[in-house]
């Protein structure tokens, strides 16, 4: 994870309210909301902790993109505070998934690898498209960077879900699914620290 990307100027101009930035965010919002609905249903049907965790991540990202749109035209101080809220959301998601994975180890689960593979591939395609669209904005303020971090983490998480599907298929056990859910939680926690750090720097510089 490129931690050095946090070391950018506190403000990068008025591109935070750029029309193209808003259009990308609207697309990301709709795409993530749709994938949340698809993945939560598939995750429950397939008894996959990794898919359910990824679905909740899509839901959290939808909320984050909505926040980004709301504060896009506001002052840097408000955008930085919004980034702090999003960092807290990412942290809460990470902690919840870790707890859910631990529960799965004790309660047991029987994930269905075929469904995991199909839905995981669809989610990866969606997140790659969103990540490519957000790539040009990754060196903006903390609010912009948080949107990029979300998409980056999601794409990595989707690849991990596919690896988990292969692991479940190859071993016939649930542990690859639970392991990937834990990895996704770690990504969320790391990303929250990344965004929180830049947002704090921006607020201090004001």
N, C-alpha and C. Protein backbone atom coordinates (compact mmCIF):
# COMPACT_ATOMS: atom_id res chain seq x y z
N UNK A 1 0.84 -1.19 0.00
CA UNK A 1 0.00 0.00 0.00
C UNK A 1 0.88 1.25 0.00
N UNK A 2 0.61 2.16 -0.89
CA UNK A 2 1.48 3.31 -1.08
C UNK A 2 1.23 4.36 -0.02
N UNK A 3 1.89 4.18 1.11
CA UNK A 3 1.70 5.12 2.22
C UNK A 3 2.18 6.52 1.88
N UNK A 4 3.19 6.61 1.00
CA UNK A 4 3.75 7.93 0.68
C UNK A 4 2.76 8.80 -0.06
N UNK A 5 1.69 8.23 -0.59
CA UNK A 5 0.71 9.04 -1.31
C UNK A 5 -0.01 10.00 -0.37
N UNK A 6 0.12 9.77 0.93
CA UNK A 6 -0.51 10.69 1.88
C UNK A 6 0.22 12.02 1.93
N UNK A 7 1.48 12.04 1.52
CA UNK A 7 2.28 13.25 1.64
C UNK A 7 2.06 14.17 0.44
N UNK A 8 0.82 14.68 0.33
CA UNK A 8 0.48 15.60 -0.74
C UNK A 8 0.08 16.92 -0.13
N UNK A 9 0.06 18.02 -0.91
CA UNK A 9 -0.35 19.30 -0.36
C UNK A 9 -1.73 19.25 0.24
N UNK A 10 -1.96 20.09 1.21
CA UNK A 10 -3.25 20.09 1.92
C UNK A 10 -4.41 20.37 0.99
N UNK A 11 -4.23 21.19 -0.03
CA UNK A 11 -5.31 21.46 -0.97
C UNK A 11 -4.72 21.41 -2.36
N UNK A 12 -5.47 20.92 -3.34
CA UNK A 12 -4.96 20.76 -4.69
C UNK A 12 -5.78 21.55 -5.69
N UNK A 13 -6.41 22.61 -5.23
CA UNK A 13 -7.20 23.43 -6.13
C UNK A 13 -8.68 23.14 -5.99
N UNK A 14 -9.44 23.50 -7.03
CA UNK A 14 -10.88 23.34 -6.98
C UNK A 14 -11.37 22.07 -7.63
N UNK A 15 -10.45 21.11 -7.94
CA UNK A 15 -10.90 19.90 -8.60
C UNK A 15 -11.77 19.03 -7.71
N UNK A 16 -11.84 19.34 -6.40
CA UNK A 16 -12.72 18.58 -5.52
C UNK A 16 -14.19 18.81 -5.88
N UNK A 17 -14.46 19.90 -6.59
CA UNK A 17 -15.83 20.20 -7.00
C UNK A 17 -15.97 20.11 -8.52
N UNK A 18 -15.00 19.45 -9.16
CA UNK A 18 -15.00 19.30 -10.61
C UNK A 18 -16.18 18.44 -11.04
N UNK A 19 -16.78 18.81 -12.17
CA UNK A 19 -17.94 18.08 -12.67
C UNK A 19 -17.60 16.62 -12.96
N UNK A 20 -16.42 16.39 -13.50
CA UNK A 20 -16.02 15.02 -13.81
C UNK A 20 -15.85 14.20 -12.53
N UNK A 21 -15.30 14.82 -11.49
CA UNK A 21 -15.17 14.17 -10.19
C UNK A 21 -16.53 13.75 -9.67
N UNK A 22 -17.52 14.64 -9.77
CA UNK A 22 -18.87 14.32 -9.31
C UNK A 22 -19.49 13.19 -10.12
N UNK A 23 -19.28 13.21 -11.42
CA UNK A 23 -19.84 12.15 -12.26
C UNK A 23 -19.25 10.79 -11.91
N UNK A 24 -17.95 10.76 -11.66
CA UNK A 24 -17.30 9.51 -11.26
C UNK A 24 -17.87 9.01 -9.94
N UNK A 25 -18.05 9.94 -9.01
CA UNK A 25 -18.60 9.55 -7.70
C UNK A 25 -20.02 9.01 -7.83
N UNK A 26 -20.84 9.63 -8.67
CA UNK A 26 -22.21 9.14 -8.87
C UNK A 26 -22.19 7.73 -9.46
N UNK A 27 -21.31 7.50 -10.43
CA UNK A 27 -21.20 6.17 -11.00
C UNK A 27 -20.76 5.17 -9.94
N UNK A 28 -19.75 5.55 -9.14
CA UNK A 28 -19.25 4.66 -8.09
C UNK A 28 -20.34 4.37 -7.06
N UNK A 29 -21.13 5.38 -6.73
CA UNK A 29 -22.21 5.21 -5.77
C UNK A 29 -23.24 4.19 -6.26
N UNK A 30 -23.70 4.35 -7.49
CA UNK A 30 -24.70 3.43 -8.05
C UNK A 30 -24.14 2.02 -8.19
N UNK A 31 -22.89 1.92 -8.68
CA UNK A 31 -22.28 0.61 -8.89
C UNK A 31 -22.10 -0.14 -7.56
N UNK A 32 -21.67 0.58 -6.52
CA UNK A 32 -21.46 -0.06 -5.23
C UNK A 32 -22.78 -0.45 -4.57
N UNK A 33 -23.79 0.39 -4.71
CA UNK A 33 -25.10 0.06 -4.13
C UNK A 33 -25.68 -1.19 -4.80
N UNK A 34 -25.54 -1.28 -6.13
CA UNK A 34 -26.04 -2.44 -6.85
C UNK A 34 -25.29 -3.71 -6.44
N UNK A 35 -23.97 -3.61 -6.31
CA UNK A 35 -23.19 -4.79 -5.94
C UNK A 35 -23.44 -5.20 -4.49
N UNK A 36 -23.76 -4.25 -3.63
CA UNK A 36 -24.14 -4.62 -2.26
C UNK A 36 -25.35 -5.54 -2.27
N UNK A 37 -26.37 -5.15 -3.05
CA UNK A 37 -27.60 -5.95 -3.11
C UNK A 37 -27.31 -7.34 -3.67
N UNK A 38 -26.48 -7.40 -4.72
CA UNK A 38 -26.17 -8.70 -5.33
C UNK A 38 -25.36 -9.57 -4.38
N UNK A 39 -24.33 -8.99 -3.77
CA UNK A 39 -23.41 -9.80 -2.95
C UNK A 39 -24.02 -10.24 -1.63
N UNK A 40 -24.85 -9.41 -1.02
CA UNK A 40 -25.40 -9.82 0.27
C UNK A 40 -26.34 -11.01 0.08
N UNK A 41 -27.12 -11.01 -1.00
CA UNK A 41 -28.01 -12.14 -1.29
C UNK A 41 -27.18 -13.39 -1.61
N UNK A 42 -26.18 -13.23 -2.48
CA UNK A 42 -25.33 -14.35 -2.86
C UNK A 42 -24.51 -14.86 -1.68
N UNK A 43 -24.03 -13.95 -0.85
CA UNK A 43 -23.22 -14.35 0.30
C UNK A 43 -23.99 -15.18 1.29
N UNK A 44 -25.24 -14.79 1.55
CA UNK A 44 -26.08 -15.57 2.47
C UNK A 44 -26.42 -16.92 1.84
N UNK A 45 -26.77 -16.92 0.53
CA UNK A 45 -27.12 -18.16 -0.15
C UNK A 45 -25.94 -19.13 -0.20
N UNK A 46 -24.72 -18.59 -0.37
CA UNK A 46 -23.53 -19.44 -0.48
C UNK A 46 -22.87 -19.69 0.87
N UNK A 47 -23.41 -19.10 1.95
CA UNK A 47 -22.83 -19.23 3.30
C UNK A 47 -21.36 -18.82 3.31
N UNK A 48 -21.07 -17.73 2.58
CA UNK A 48 -19.69 -17.26 2.47
C UNK A 48 -19.48 -16.01 3.30
N UNK A 49 -18.60 -16.11 4.31
CA UNK A 49 -18.27 -14.94 5.13
C UNK A 49 -17.54 -13.88 4.29
N UNK A 50 -16.70 -14.34 3.36
CA UNK A 50 -15.94 -13.41 2.53
C UNK A 50 -16.87 -12.59 1.64
N UNK A 51 -17.86 -13.24 1.02
CA UNK A 51 -18.81 -12.52 0.18
C UNK A 51 -19.66 -11.56 1.00
N UNK A 52 -20.10 -11.99 2.17
CA UNK A 52 -20.90 -11.12 3.02
C UNK A 52 -20.09 -9.92 3.49
N UNK A 53 -18.82 -10.17 3.83
CA UNK A 53 -17.95 -9.06 4.24
C UNK A 53 -17.75 -8.09 3.09
N UNK A 54 -17.56 -8.62 1.87
CA UNK A 54 -17.38 -7.77 0.71
C UNK A 54 -18.66 -6.98 0.41
N UNK A 55 -19.82 -7.60 0.64
CA UNK A 55 -21.09 -6.91 0.44
C UNK A 55 -21.21 -5.73 1.39
N UNK A 56 -20.85 -5.94 2.64
CA UNK A 56 -20.90 -4.85 3.62
C UNK A 56 -19.91 -3.75 3.26
N UNK A 57 -18.80 -4.15 2.67
CA UNK A 57 -17.83 -3.16 2.22
C UNK A 57 -18.42 -2.31 1.10
N UNK A 58 -19.14 -2.95 0.17
CA UNK A 58 -19.83 -2.20 -0.89
C UNK A 58 -20.83 -1.22 -0.29
N UNK A 59 -21.54 -1.66 0.74
CA UNK A 59 -22.52 -0.78 1.39
C UNK A 59 -21.82 0.42 2.02
N UNK A 60 -20.72 0.15 2.73
CA UNK A 60 -19.96 1.23 3.36
C UNK A 60 -19.40 2.20 2.34
N UNK A 61 -18.93 1.66 1.20
CA UNK A 61 -18.39 2.52 0.16
C UNK A 61 -19.48 3.39 -0.46
N UNK A 62 -20.68 2.83 -0.62
CA UNK A 62 -21.80 3.63 -1.14
C UNK A 62 -22.05 4.83 -0.25
N UNK A 63 -22.05 4.59 1.06
CA UNK A 63 -22.24 5.68 2.01
C UNK A 63 -21.09 6.69 1.93
N UNK A 64 -19.88 6.18 1.77
CA UNK A 64 -18.72 7.06 1.67
C UNK A 64 -18.76 7.94 0.42
N UNK A 65 -19.16 7.36 -0.71
CA UNK A 65 -19.26 8.14 -1.93
C UNK A 65 -20.36 9.20 -1.81
N UNK A 66 -21.43 8.85 -1.12
CA UNK A 66 -22.51 9.81 -0.91
C UNK A 66 -22.00 10.99 -0.07
N UNK A 67 -21.19 10.69 0.95
CA UNK A 67 -20.61 11.75 1.78
C UNK A 67 -19.68 12.62 0.94
N UNK A 68 -18.88 11.99 0.09
CA UNK A 68 -17.95 12.73 -0.77
C UNK A 68 -18.71 13.70 -1.68
N UNK A 69 -19.83 13.25 -2.22
CA UNK A 69 -20.64 14.11 -3.08
C UNK A 69 -21.23 15.28 -2.28
N UNK A 70 -21.63 15.01 -1.05
CA UNK A 70 -22.26 16.03 -0.22
C UNK A 70 -21.28 17.16 0.12
N UNK A 71 -20.01 16.80 0.37
CA UNK A 71 -19.04 17.81 0.81
C UNK A 71 -18.14 18.30 -0.33
N UNK A 72 -18.38 17.82 -1.57
CA UNK A 72 -17.47 18.12 -2.68
C UNK A 72 -17.24 19.61 -2.88
N UNK A 73 -18.27 20.44 -2.70
CA UNK A 73 -18.12 21.88 -2.93
C UNK A 73 -17.80 22.67 -1.69
N UNK A 74 -17.58 22.00 -0.57
CA UNK A 74 -17.34 22.71 0.69
C UNK A 74 -15.86 23.00 0.89
N UNK A 75 -15.56 23.72 1.94
CA UNK A 75 -14.18 24.08 2.27
C UNK A 75 -13.38 22.84 2.65
N UNK A 76 -12.04 22.96 2.56
CA UNK A 76 -11.17 21.84 2.86
C UNK A 76 -11.40 21.30 4.26
N UNK A 77 -11.69 22.17 5.22
CA UNK A 77 -11.89 21.73 6.60
C UNK A 77 -13.05 20.74 6.69
N UNK A 78 -14.14 21.01 5.97
CA UNK A 78 -15.29 20.11 5.99
C UNK A 78 -14.99 18.83 5.24
N UNK A 79 -14.25 18.90 4.14
CA UNK A 79 -13.89 17.71 3.40
C UNK A 79 -12.98 16.81 4.23
N UNK A 80 -12.08 17.43 4.99
CA UNK A 80 -11.19 16.65 5.85
C UNK A 80 -11.96 15.99 6.99
N UNK A 81 -12.93 16.71 7.55
CA UNK A 81 -13.75 16.11 8.61
C UNK A 81 -14.58 14.95 8.07
N UNK A 82 -15.06 15.10 6.83
CA UNK A 82 -15.81 14.01 6.20
C UNK A 82 -14.91 12.79 6.02
N UNK A 83 -13.65 13.04 5.68
CA UNK A 83 -12.69 11.94 5.51
C UNK A 83 -12.47 11.22 6.84
N UNK A 84 -12.47 11.97 7.95
CA UNK A 84 -12.34 11.34 9.26
C UNK A 84 -13.52 10.40 9.53
N UNK A 85 -14.72 10.84 9.15
CA UNK A 85 -15.91 9.99 9.33
C UNK A 85 -15.77 8.71 8.50
N UNK A 86 -15.30 8.86 7.27
CA UNK A 86 -15.13 7.70 6.41
C UNK A 86 -14.05 6.76 6.94
N UNK A 87 -12.99 7.33 7.51
CA UNK A 87 -11.94 6.50 8.10
C UNK A 87 -12.50 5.69 9.27
N UNK A 88 -13.36 6.32 10.06
CA UNK A 88 -13.98 5.62 11.19
C UNK A 88 -14.89 4.49 10.69
N UNK A 89 -15.58 4.73 9.56
CA UNK A 89 -16.44 3.71 8.98
C UNK A 89 -15.62 2.51 8.51
N UNK A 90 -14.50 2.78 7.85
CA UNK A 90 -13.62 1.70 7.39
C UNK A 90 -13.07 0.90 8.56
N UNK A 91 -12.72 1.60 9.65
CA UNK A 91 -12.20 0.93 10.83
C UNK A 91 -13.26 0.04 11.46
N UNK A 92 -14.49 0.55 11.56
CA UNK A 92 -15.58 -0.23 12.14
C UNK A 92 -15.86 -1.48 11.31
N UNK A 93 -15.83 -1.32 9.98
CA UNK A 93 -16.03 -2.47 9.10
C UNK A 93 -14.96 -3.53 9.35
N UNK A 94 -13.70 -3.10 9.43
CA UNK A 94 -12.60 -4.04 9.65
C UNK A 94 -12.73 -4.81 10.95
N UNK A 95 -13.07 -4.10 12.01
CA UNK A 95 -13.22 -4.76 13.31
C UNK A 95 -14.40 -5.73 13.32
N UNK A 96 -15.49 -5.34 12.65
CA UNK A 96 -16.67 -6.21 12.60
C UNK A 96 -16.36 -7.49 11.84
N UNK A 97 -15.66 -7.38 10.72
CA UNK A 97 -15.36 -8.57 9.91
C UNK A 97 -14.44 -9.52 10.66
N UNK A 98 -13.46 -8.98 11.37
CA UNK A 98 -12.58 -9.84 12.16
C UNK A 98 -13.40 -10.62 13.19
N UNK A 99 -14.31 -9.93 13.86
CA UNK A 99 -15.16 -10.61 14.83
C UNK A 99 -16.03 -11.66 14.19
N UNK A 100 -16.57 -11.37 13.01
CA UNK A 100 -17.45 -12.30 12.29
C UNK A 100 -16.68 -13.53 11.83
N UNK A 101 -15.42 -13.32 11.40
CA UNK A 101 -14.59 -14.44 10.97
C UNK A 101 -14.27 -15.36 12.15
N UNK A 102 -13.95 -14.76 13.29
CA UNK A 102 -13.68 -15.56 14.49
C UNK A 102 -14.91 -16.38 14.87
N UNK A 103 -16.07 -15.75 14.78
CA UNK A 103 -17.32 -16.47 15.05
C UNK A 103 -17.49 -17.66 14.10
N UNK A 104 -17.13 -17.47 12.83
CA UNK A 104 -17.25 -18.53 11.85
C UNK A 104 -16.36 -19.71 12.15
N UNK A 105 -15.17 -19.45 12.70
CA UNK A 105 -14.27 -20.54 13.06
C UNK A 105 -14.92 -21.45 14.11
N UNK A 106 -15.64 -20.85 15.05
CA UNK A 106 -16.24 -21.63 16.13
C UNK A 106 -17.61 -22.18 15.75
N UNK A 107 -18.41 -21.40 15.04
CA UNK A 107 -19.77 -21.84 14.69
C UNK A 107 -19.78 -22.76 13.48
N UNK A 108 -18.75 -22.66 12.65
CA UNK A 108 -18.69 -23.48 11.45
C UNK A 108 -19.46 -22.86 10.29
N UNK A 109 -19.05 -23.18 9.06
CA UNK A 109 -19.73 -22.71 7.86
C UNK A 109 -19.42 -23.64 6.70
N UNK A 110 -20.24 -23.59 5.66
CA UNK A 110 -20.06 -24.43 4.48
C UNK A 110 -20.21 -23.57 3.22
N UNK A 111 -19.21 -22.75 2.92
CA UNK A 111 -19.30 -21.86 1.76
C UNK A 111 -19.35 -22.62 0.44
N UNK A 112 -20.06 -22.06 -0.52
CA UNK A 112 -20.25 -22.68 -1.84
C UNK A 112 -19.31 -21.99 -2.84
N UNK A 113 -18.23 -22.67 -3.26
CA UNK A 113 -17.17 -22.02 -4.04
C UNK A 113 -17.61 -21.51 -5.41
N UNK A 114 -18.55 -22.21 -6.09
CA UNK A 114 -18.95 -21.77 -7.42
C UNK A 114 -19.60 -20.38 -7.39
N UNK A 115 -20.52 -20.20 -6.44
CA UNK A 115 -21.17 -18.90 -6.29
C UNK A 115 -20.15 -17.83 -5.91
N UNK A 116 -19.22 -18.19 -5.03
CA UNK A 116 -18.17 -17.26 -4.63
C UNK A 116 -17.37 -16.81 -5.84
N UNK A 117 -17.03 -17.74 -6.73
CA UNK A 117 -16.23 -17.42 -7.90
C UNK A 117 -16.94 -16.51 -8.87
N UNK A 118 -18.21 -16.81 -9.16
CA UNK A 118 -18.97 -16.02 -10.12
C UNK A 118 -19.19 -14.59 -9.60
N UNK A 119 -19.69 -14.49 -8.37
CA UNK A 119 -19.99 -13.17 -7.81
C UNK A 119 -18.71 -12.39 -7.54
N UNK A 120 -17.66 -13.10 -7.11
CA UNK A 120 -16.38 -12.44 -6.87
C UNK A 120 -15.80 -11.85 -8.14
N UNK A 121 -15.95 -12.55 -9.27
CA UNK A 121 -15.47 -12.04 -10.55
C UNK A 121 -16.25 -10.80 -10.98
N UNK A 122 -17.57 -10.84 -10.82
CA UNK A 122 -18.40 -9.68 -11.15
C UNK A 122 -18.01 -8.47 -10.30
N UNK A 123 -17.82 -8.70 -9.01
CA UNK A 123 -17.43 -7.61 -8.11
C UNK A 123 -16.07 -7.03 -8.49
N UNK A 124 -15.14 -7.90 -8.88
CA UNK A 124 -13.81 -7.44 -9.28
C UNK A 124 -13.88 -6.55 -10.51
N UNK A 125 -14.68 -6.95 -11.50
CA UNK A 125 -14.83 -6.14 -12.71
C UNK A 125 -15.38 -4.75 -12.38
N UNK A 126 -16.41 -4.71 -11.53
CA UNK A 126 -17.00 -3.43 -11.14
C UNK A 126 -15.98 -2.56 -10.43
N UNK A 127 -15.23 -3.14 -9.50
CA UNK A 127 -14.29 -2.35 -8.73
C UNK A 127 -13.09 -1.90 -9.55
N UNK A 128 -12.67 -2.69 -10.52
CA UNK A 128 -11.57 -2.27 -11.39
C UNK A 128 -12.00 -1.06 -12.21
N UNK A 129 -13.23 -1.08 -12.72
CA UNK A 129 -13.75 0.05 -13.49
C UNK A 129 -13.78 1.31 -12.62
N UNK A 130 -14.29 1.17 -11.40
CA UNK A 130 -14.36 2.32 -10.48
C UNK A 130 -12.97 2.82 -10.13
N UNK A 131 -12.04 1.89 -9.86
CA UNK A 131 -10.67 2.28 -9.49
C UNK A 131 -9.99 3.03 -10.63
N UNK A 132 -10.20 2.58 -11.87
CA UNK A 132 -9.61 3.26 -13.02
C UNK A 132 -10.16 4.69 -13.15
N UNK A 133 -11.46 4.83 -12.95
CA UNK A 133 -12.08 6.15 -13.04
C UNK A 133 -11.58 7.09 -11.94
N UNK A 134 -11.29 6.54 -10.75
CA UNK A 134 -10.85 7.36 -9.62
C UNK A 134 -9.34 7.58 -9.60
N UNK A 135 -8.61 6.88 -10.47
CA UNK A 135 -7.15 6.91 -10.44
C UNK A 135 -6.59 8.33 -10.54
N UNK A 136 -7.14 9.14 -11.41
CA UNK A 136 -6.62 10.49 -11.63
C UNK A 136 -6.82 11.40 -10.43
N UNK A 137 -7.71 11.02 -9.49
CA UNK A 137 -8.01 11.87 -8.33
C UNK A 137 -7.31 11.39 -7.05
N UNK A 138 -6.46 10.37 -7.16
CA UNK A 138 -5.91 9.74 -5.95
C UNK A 138 -4.95 10.64 -5.18
N UNK A 139 -4.41 11.68 -5.83
CA UNK A 139 -3.47 12.57 -5.14
C UNK A 139 -4.12 13.88 -4.72
N UNK A 140 -5.45 13.89 -4.62
CA UNK A 140 -6.15 15.07 -4.14
C UNK A 140 -6.14 15.13 -2.62
N UNK A 141 -7.13 15.82 -2.05
CA UNK A 141 -7.18 15.94 -0.60
C UNK A 141 -7.62 14.60 0.03
N UNK A 142 -7.75 14.58 1.36
CA UNK A 142 -8.07 13.34 2.06
C UNK A 142 -9.42 12.78 1.63
N UNK A 143 -10.35 13.68 1.32
CA UNK A 143 -11.66 13.22 0.89
C UNK A 143 -11.56 12.48 -0.45
N UNK A 144 -10.80 13.03 -1.39
CA UNK A 144 -10.58 12.36 -2.66
C UNK A 144 -9.79 11.07 -2.47
N UNK A 145 -8.75 11.14 -1.65
CA UNK A 145 -7.91 9.97 -1.46
C UNK A 145 -8.69 8.83 -0.82
N UNK A 146 -9.62 9.16 0.09
CA UNK A 146 -10.40 8.10 0.74
C UNK A 146 -11.24 7.33 -0.27
N UNK A 147 -11.75 8.03 -1.29
CA UNK A 147 -12.52 7.36 -2.34
C UNK A 147 -11.63 6.40 -3.12
N UNK A 148 -10.39 6.86 -3.42
CA UNK A 148 -9.44 6.00 -4.12
C UNK A 148 -9.04 4.81 -3.27
N UNK A 149 -8.78 5.04 -1.98
CA UNK A 149 -8.39 3.95 -1.08
C UNK A 149 -9.49 2.89 -1.02
N UNK A 150 -10.74 3.34 -0.95
CA UNK A 150 -11.87 2.40 -0.92
C UNK A 150 -11.86 1.51 -2.16
N UNK A 151 -11.73 2.12 -3.34
CA UNK A 151 -11.78 1.34 -4.57
C UNK A 151 -10.58 0.41 -4.68
N UNK A 152 -9.42 0.89 -4.27
CA UNK A 152 -8.22 0.05 -4.31
C UNK A 152 -8.36 -1.16 -3.40
N UNK A 153 -8.80 -0.93 -2.17
CA UNK A 153 -8.99 -2.03 -1.23
C UNK A 153 -10.02 -3.02 -1.73
N UNK A 154 -11.08 -2.50 -2.35
CA UNK A 154 -12.13 -3.38 -2.85
C UNK A 154 -11.61 -4.31 -3.94
N UNK A 155 -10.83 -3.78 -4.87
CA UNK A 155 -10.29 -4.61 -5.95
C UNK A 155 -9.39 -5.70 -5.38
N UNK A 156 -8.53 -5.34 -4.43
CA UNK A 156 -7.67 -6.33 -3.79
C UNK A 156 -8.51 -7.36 -3.05
N UNK A 157 -9.55 -6.89 -2.37
CA UNK A 157 -10.44 -7.79 -1.63
C UNK A 157 -11.15 -8.76 -2.55
N UNK A 158 -11.55 -8.30 -3.74
CA UNK A 158 -12.23 -9.18 -4.69
C UNK A 158 -11.31 -10.28 -5.19
N UNK A 159 -10.06 -9.93 -5.44
CA UNK A 159 -9.08 -10.95 -5.84
C UNK A 159 -8.94 -11.99 -4.72
N UNK A 160 -8.92 -11.51 -3.49
CA UNK A 160 -8.82 -12.42 -2.35
C UNK A 160 -10.04 -13.34 -2.27
N UNK A 161 -11.23 -12.82 -2.58
CA UNK A 161 -12.44 -13.66 -2.58
C UNK A 161 -12.31 -14.78 -3.60
N UNK A 162 -11.76 -14.47 -4.78
CA UNK A 162 -11.56 -15.49 -5.80
C UNK A 162 -10.56 -16.55 -5.35
N UNK A 163 -9.51 -16.10 -4.67
CA UNK A 163 -8.54 -17.04 -4.11
C UNK A 163 -9.22 -17.93 -3.07
N UNK A 164 -10.09 -17.33 -2.27
CA UNK A 164 -10.81 -18.10 -1.26
C UNK A 164 -11.72 -19.13 -1.91
N UNK A 165 -12.37 -18.75 -3.00
CA UNK A 165 -13.24 -19.69 -3.72
C UNK A 165 -12.44 -20.90 -4.20
N UNK A 166 -11.26 -20.63 -4.76
CA UNK A 166 -10.40 -21.73 -5.20
C UNK A 166 -9.96 -22.58 -4.02
N UNK A 167 -9.65 -21.91 -2.90
CA UNK A 167 -9.22 -22.64 -1.70
C UNK A 167 -10.32 -23.54 -1.15
N UNK A 168 -11.54 -23.01 -1.10
CA UNK A 168 -12.67 -23.80 -0.61
C UNK A 168 -12.93 -24.97 -1.55
N UNK A 169 -12.87 -24.71 -2.86
CA UNK A 169 -13.10 -25.77 -3.85
C UNK A 169 -12.03 -26.85 -3.75
N UNK A 170 -10.77 -26.43 -3.58
CA UNK A 170 -9.67 -27.40 -3.56
C UNK A 170 -9.58 -28.20 -2.27
N UNK A 171 -9.90 -27.58 -1.14
CA UNK A 171 -9.75 -28.26 0.15
C UNK A 171 -11.04 -28.84 0.68
N UNK A 172 -12.17 -28.29 0.23
CA UNK A 172 -13.46 -28.73 0.78
C UNK A 172 -13.70 -28.21 2.17
N UNK A 173 -12.88 -27.26 2.62
CA UNK A 173 -13.00 -26.69 3.96
C UNK A 173 -13.36 -25.20 3.89
N UNK A 174 -13.83 -24.68 5.03
CA UNK A 174 -14.27 -23.28 5.08
C UNK A 174 -13.14 -22.31 5.43
N UNK A 175 -12.00 -22.80 5.89
CA UNK A 175 -10.98 -21.90 6.42
C UNK A 175 -10.46 -20.88 5.39
N UNK A 176 -10.35 -21.22 4.07
CA UNK A 176 -9.91 -20.17 3.14
C UNK A 176 -10.88 -18.99 3.09
N UNK A 177 -12.17 -19.27 3.18
CA UNK A 177 -13.19 -18.21 3.19
C UNK A 177 -13.04 -17.33 4.42
N UNK A 178 -12.83 -17.95 5.57
CA UNK A 178 -12.68 -17.20 6.81
C UNK A 178 -11.37 -16.42 6.84
N UNK A 179 -10.32 -17.02 6.27
CA UNK A 179 -9.02 -16.33 6.22
C UNK A 179 -9.10 -15.08 5.37
N UNK A 180 -9.75 -15.19 4.22
CA UNK A 180 -9.88 -14.03 3.32
C UNK A 180 -10.71 -12.93 3.97
N UNK A 181 -11.75 -13.31 4.69
CA UNK A 181 -12.55 -12.31 5.40
C UNK A 181 -11.67 -11.53 6.37
N UNK A 182 -10.75 -12.23 7.03
CA UNK A 182 -9.83 -11.57 7.96
C UNK A 182 -8.86 -10.64 7.23
N UNK A 183 -8.38 -11.07 6.06
CA UNK A 183 -7.48 -10.24 5.27
C UNK A 183 -8.17 -8.96 4.83
N UNK A 184 -9.44 -9.10 4.41
CA UNK A 184 -10.21 -7.93 3.99
C UNK A 184 -10.39 -6.95 5.15
N UNK A 185 -10.56 -7.51 6.34
CA UNK A 185 -10.67 -6.66 7.53
C UNK A 185 -9.38 -5.89 7.76
N UNK A 186 -8.24 -6.56 7.58
CA UNK A 186 -6.95 -5.90 7.77
C UNK A 186 -6.76 -4.77 6.77
N UNK A 187 -7.20 -4.98 5.51
CA UNK A 187 -7.11 -3.93 4.49
C UNK A 187 -7.93 -2.71 4.89
N UNK A 188 -9.13 -2.97 5.42
CA UNK A 188 -9.99 -1.87 5.83
C UNK A 188 -9.36 -1.08 6.97
N UNK A 189 -8.77 -1.77 7.93
CA UNK A 189 -8.13 -1.12 9.07
C UNK A 189 -6.92 -0.30 8.60
N UNK A 190 -6.10 -0.89 7.72
CA UNK A 190 -4.94 -0.18 7.19
C UNK A 190 -5.37 1.06 6.40
N UNK A 191 -6.39 0.89 5.58
CA UNK A 191 -6.88 2.03 4.80
C UNK A 191 -7.42 3.14 5.69
N UNK A 192 -8.09 2.78 6.77
CA UNK A 192 -8.64 3.79 7.68
C UNK A 192 -7.52 4.59 8.33
N UNK A 193 -6.42 3.93 8.68
CA UNK A 193 -5.27 4.61 9.27
C UNK A 193 -4.66 5.57 8.26
N UNK A 194 -4.56 5.12 7.02
CA UNK A 194 -4.02 5.93 5.93
C UNK A 194 -4.82 7.22 5.75
N UNK A 195 -6.13 7.09 5.61
CA UNK A 195 -7.00 8.26 5.39
C UNK A 195 -7.03 9.15 6.62
N UNK A 196 -7.12 8.55 7.81
CA UNK A 196 -7.15 9.32 9.05
C UNK A 196 -5.90 10.18 9.20
N UNK A 197 -4.75 9.60 8.83
CA UNK A 197 -3.48 10.32 8.95
C UNK A 197 -3.46 11.56 8.08
N UNK A 198 -3.89 11.44 6.80
CA UNK A 198 -3.86 12.62 5.93
C UNK A 198 -4.88 13.65 6.36
N UNK A 199 -6.08 13.20 6.77
CA UNK A 199 -7.11 14.13 7.20
C UNK A 199 -6.63 14.95 8.40
N UNK A 200 -5.96 14.30 9.34
CA UNK A 200 -5.42 15.01 10.51
C UNK A 200 -4.38 16.04 10.10
N UNK A 201 -3.53 15.68 9.14
CA UNK A 201 -2.50 16.61 8.66
C UNK A 201 -3.15 17.85 8.04
N UNK A 202 -4.20 17.64 7.26
CA UNK A 202 -4.87 18.76 6.63
C UNK A 202 -5.53 19.68 7.64
N UNK A 203 -6.15 19.10 8.66
CA UNK A 203 -6.80 19.91 9.69
C UNK A 203 -5.79 20.69 10.51
N UNK A 204 -4.64 20.09 10.75
CA UNK A 204 -3.60 20.77 11.52
C UNK A 204 -3.05 21.96 10.72
N UNK A 205 -2.96 21.81 9.41
CA UNK A 205 -2.39 22.87 8.55
C UNK A 205 -3.35 24.04 8.33
N UNK A 206 -4.62 23.88 8.67
CA UNK A 206 -5.59 24.95 8.43
C UNK A 206 -5.38 26.11 9.39
